[in-house]
Amino acid sequence: MTAPAPRPFPFCASADLPEGSIRSALVGGRPVAVARQGGRLFAFGALCPHQQADLSLGLLEPGSITCADHLWRFELATGRCASVPGAAVPVFPVREERGQVVVDVVPR
């Protein structure tokens, strides 16, 4: 059986995600966070694997997001946790189309 292919889902209006901001939403039934940093968009799983805290409430730093609950730090580009070896959040393709931020995920 072939794994389902990712599908594009609208996340928010581009204007609602200014430089240096982060927000989260359910996308295709999955909790996803999107950050805009350095003119780039990064999409990743919104829940910290430690205790499921919303990463969009964390501290956005250059190249990373730090969970507000217990300070686990994740690389925006790869999802790898710099604080705990082996821990990670999934990352998703993200882009802007016609004034919208669009994230590709496999729906649940």
C-alpha atoms as a PDB file:
ATOM      1  CA  MET A   1       0.000   0.000   0.000  1.00  0.00           C
ATOM      2  CA  THR A   2       1.324   3.429  -0.941  1.00  0.00           C
ATOM      3  CA  ALA A   3       1.592   6.112   1.720  1.00  0.00           C
ATOM      4  CA  PRO A   4      -0.787   9.041   1.191  1.00  0.00           C
ATOM      5  CA  ALA A   5       0.709  12.063  -0.520  1.00  0.00           C
ATOM      6  CA  PRO A   6       0.879  15.455   1.188  1.00  0.00           C
ATOM      7  CA  ARG A   7      -1.802  17.947   0.169  1.00  0.00           C
ATOM      8  CA  PRO A   8      -1.681  21.757   0.237  1.00  0.00           C
ATOM      9  CA  PHE A   9      -3.732  23.456   2.963  1.00  0.00           C
ATOM     10  CA  PRO A  10      -4.211  27.187   3.516  1.00  0.00           C
ATOM     11  CA  PHE A  11      -2.711  28.251   6.848  1.00  0.00           C
ATOM     12  CA  CYS A  12      -3.298  32.014   7.094  1.00  0.00           C
ATOM     13  CA  ALA A  13      -3.109  35.224   5.106  1.00  0.00           C
ATOM     14  CA  SER A  14       0.502  36.244   4.454  1.00  0.00           C
ATOM     15  CA  ALA A  15      -0.212  39.617   6.085  1.00  0.00           C
ATOM     16  CA  ASP A  16      -1.182  37.810   9.316  1.00  0.00           C
ATOM     17  CA  LEU A  17       2.328  36.372   9.693  1.00  0.00           C
ATOM     18  CA  PRO A  18       4.767  39.320   9.756  1.00  0.00           C
ATOM     19  CA  GLU A  19       8.546  38.958  10.010  1.00  0.00           C
ATOM     20  CA  GLY A  20       9.633  37.574  13.379  1.00  0.00           C
ATOM     21  CA  SER A  21       6.249  36.053  14.220  1.00  0.00           C
ATOM     22  CA  ILE A  22       4.948  32.553  14.785  1.00  0.00           C
ATOM     23  CA  ARG A  23       1.459  31.091  15.002  1.00  0.00           C
ATOM     24  CA  SER A  24      -0.163  27.666  15.140  1.00  0.00           C
ATOM     25  CA  ALA A  25      -3.325  26.086  13.731  1.00  0.00           C
ATOM     26  CA  LEU A  26      -4.789  22.715  12.814  1.00  0.00           C
ATOM     27  CA  VAL A  27      -3.817  21.913   9.223  1.00  0.00           C
ATOM     28  CA  GLY A  28      -5.337  18.808   7.699  1.00  0.00           C
ATOM     29  CA  GLY A  29      -6.124  17.670  11.230  1.00  0.00           C
ATOM     30  CA  ARG A  30      -2.519  18.149  12.395  1.00  0.00           C
ATOM     31  CA  PRO A  31      -1.234  20.805  14.805  1.00  0.00           C
ATOM     32  CA  VAL A  32       1.217  22.894  12.760  1.00  0.00           C
ATOM     33  CA  ALA A  33       3.201  26.019  13.606  1.00  0.00           C
ATOM     34  CA  VAL A  34       4.578  28.424  11.012  1.00  0.00           C
ATOM     35  CA  ALA A  35       7.273  31.012  11.697  1.00  0.00           C
ATOM     36  CA  ARG A  36       8.575  33.795   9.469  1.00  0.00           C
ATOM     37  CA  GLN A  37      12.219  34.560  10.110  1.00  0.00           C
ATOM     38  CA  GLY A  38      14.876  36.159   7.935  1.00  0.00           C
ATOM     39  CA  GLY A  39      12.397  36.433   5.073  1.00  0.00           C
ATOM     40  CA  ARG A  40      11.789  32.655   5.082  1.00  0.00           C
ATOM     41  CA  LEU A  41       8.852  30.556   6.212  1.00  0.00           C
ATOM     42  CA  PHE A  42       9.276  27.468   8.403  1.00  0.00           C
ATOM     43  CA  ALA A  43       6.474  24.978   9.124  1.00  0.00           C
ATOM     44  CA  PHE A  44       6.788  22.314  11.807  1.00  0.00           C
ATOM     45  CA  GLY A  45       4.784  20.271  14.279  1.00  0.00           C
ATOM     46  CA  ALA A  46       3.258  22.679  16.789  1.00  0.00           C
ATOM     47  CA  LEU A  47       3.479  20.389  19.812  1.00  0.00           C
ATOM     48  CA  CYS A  48       6.660  19.841  21.786  1.00  0.00           C
ATOM     49  CA  PRO A  49       7.277  16.073  22.049  1.00  0.00           C
ATOM     50  CA  HIS A  50       8.160  16.435  25.723  1.00  0.00           C
ATOM     51  CA  GLN A  51       4.728  17.355  27.137  1.00  0.00           C
ATOM     52  CA  GLN A  52       2.761  18.557  24.093  1.00  0.00           C
ATOM     53  CA  ALA A  53       3.146  22.300  24.816  1.00  0.00           C
ATOM     54  CA  ASP A  54       2.241  24.662  21.953  1.00  0.00           C
ATOM     55  CA  LEU A  55       5.573  25.724  20.435  1.00  0.00           C
ATOM     56  CA  SER A  56       4.021  28.891  18.993  1.00  0.00           C
ATOM     57  CA  LEU A  57       3.994  30.206  22.574  1.00  0.00           C
ATOM     58  CA  GLY A  58       7.754  29.705  22.825  1.00  0.00           C
ATOM     59  CA  LEU A  59      10.712  31.966  22.164  1.00  0.00           C
ATOM     60  CA  LEU A  60      11.566  32.452  18.490  1.00  0.00           C
ATOM     61  CA  GLU A  61      15.337  32.877  18.179  1.00  0.00           C
ATOM     62  CA  PRO A  62      17.593  32.998  15.114  1.00  0.00           C
ATOM     63  CA  GLY A  63      17.170  29.579  13.475  1.00  0.00           C
ATOM     64  CA  SER A  64      15.255  28.001  16.363  1.00  0.00           C
ATOM     65  CA  ILE A  65      12.191  27.924  18.587  1.00  0.00           C
ATOM     66  CA  THR A  66      12.447  27.230  22.322  1.00  0.00           C
ATOM     67  CA  CYS A  67       9.510  25.638  24.112  1.00  0.00           C
ATOM     68  CA  ALA A  68       8.157  27.954  26.801  1.00  0.00           C
ATOM     69  CA  ASP A  69       7.372  25.090  29.185  1.00  0.00           C
ATOM     70  CA  HIS A  70      10.690  23.276  29.625  1.00  0.00           C
ATOM     71  CA  LEU A  71      13.114  25.067  27.282  1.00  0.00           C
ATOM     72  CA  TRP A  72      13.601  22.345  24.681  1.00  0.00           C
ATOM     73  CA  ARG A  73      15.070  24.114  21.621  1.00  0.00           C
ATOM     74  CA  PHE A  74      14.251  22.989  18.058  1.00  0.00           C
ATOM     75  CA  GLU A  75      15.965  23.937  14.790  1.00  0.00           C
ATOM     76  CA  LEU A  76      13.452  25.585  12.451  1.00  0.00           C
ATOM     77  CA  ALA A  77      14.881  24.076   9.256  1.00  0.00           C
ATOM     78  CA  THR A  78      15.213  20.458  10.414  1.00  0.00           C
ATOM     79  CA  GLY A  79      12.962  20.067  13.454  1.00  0.00           C
ATOM     80  CA  ARG A  80      15.824  18.503  15.421  1.00  0.00           C
ATOM     81  CA  CYS A  81      16.008  19.233  19.117  1.00  0.00           C
ATOM     82  CA  ALA A  82      19.300  20.875  20.057  1.00  0.00           C
ATOM     83  CA  SER A  83      18.618  20.265  23.747  1.00  0.00           C
ATOM     84  CA  VAL A  84      17.709  16.561  23.776  1.00  0.00           C
ATOM     85  CA  PRO A  85      19.460  14.146  21.385  1.00  0.00           C
ATOM     86  CA  GLY A  86      17.014  12.120  19.313  1.00  0.00           C
ATOM     87  CA  ALA A  87      14.012  14.376  19.933  1.00  0.00           C
ATOM     88  CA  ALA A  88      12.459  16.230  17.004  1.00  0.00           C
ATOM     89  CA  VAL A  89       9.297  17.756  15.591  1.00  0.00           C
ATOM     90  CA  PRO A  90       8.188  17.075  12.011  1.00  0.00           C
ATOM     91  CA  VAL A  91       8.815  19.753   9.390  1.00  0.00           C
ATOM     92  CA  PHE A  92       6.503  20.485   6.454  1.00  0.00           C
ATOM     93  CA  PRO A  93       6.893  22.208   3.085  1.00  0.00           C
ATOM     94  CA  VAL A  94       5.509  25.758   3.244  1.00  0.00           C
ATOM     95  CA  ARG A  95       5.176  28.587   0.726  1.00  0.00           C
ATOM     96  CA  GLU A  96       3.211  31.675  -0.160  1.00  0.00           C
ATOM     97  CA  GLU A  97       0.620  31.639  -2.951  1.00  0.00           C
ATOM     98  CA  ARG A  98      -1.651  34.553  -3.877  1.00  0.00           C
ATOM     99  CA  GLY A  99      -1.306  36.261  -0.511  1.00  0.00           C
ATOM    100  CA  GLN A 100      -1.768  33.053   1.517  1.00  0.00           C
ATOM    101  CA  VAL A 101       0.629  30.885   3.519  1.00  0.00           C
ATOM    102  CA  VAL A 102       0.155  27.293   2.318  1.00  0.00           C
ATOM    103  CA  VAL A 103       1.444  24.188   4.134  1.00  0.00           C
ATOM    104  CA  ASP A 104       1.696  20.687   2.604  1.00  0.00           C
ATOM    105  CA  VAL A 105       0.721  17.901   5.020  1.00  0.00           C
ATOM    106  CA  VAL A 106      -0.636  14.379   4.857  1.00  0.00           C
ATOM    107  CA  PRO A 107      -4.167  14.811   6.263  1.00  0.00           C
ATOM    108  CA  ARG A 108      -5.320  12.765   9.222  1.00  0.00           C
END
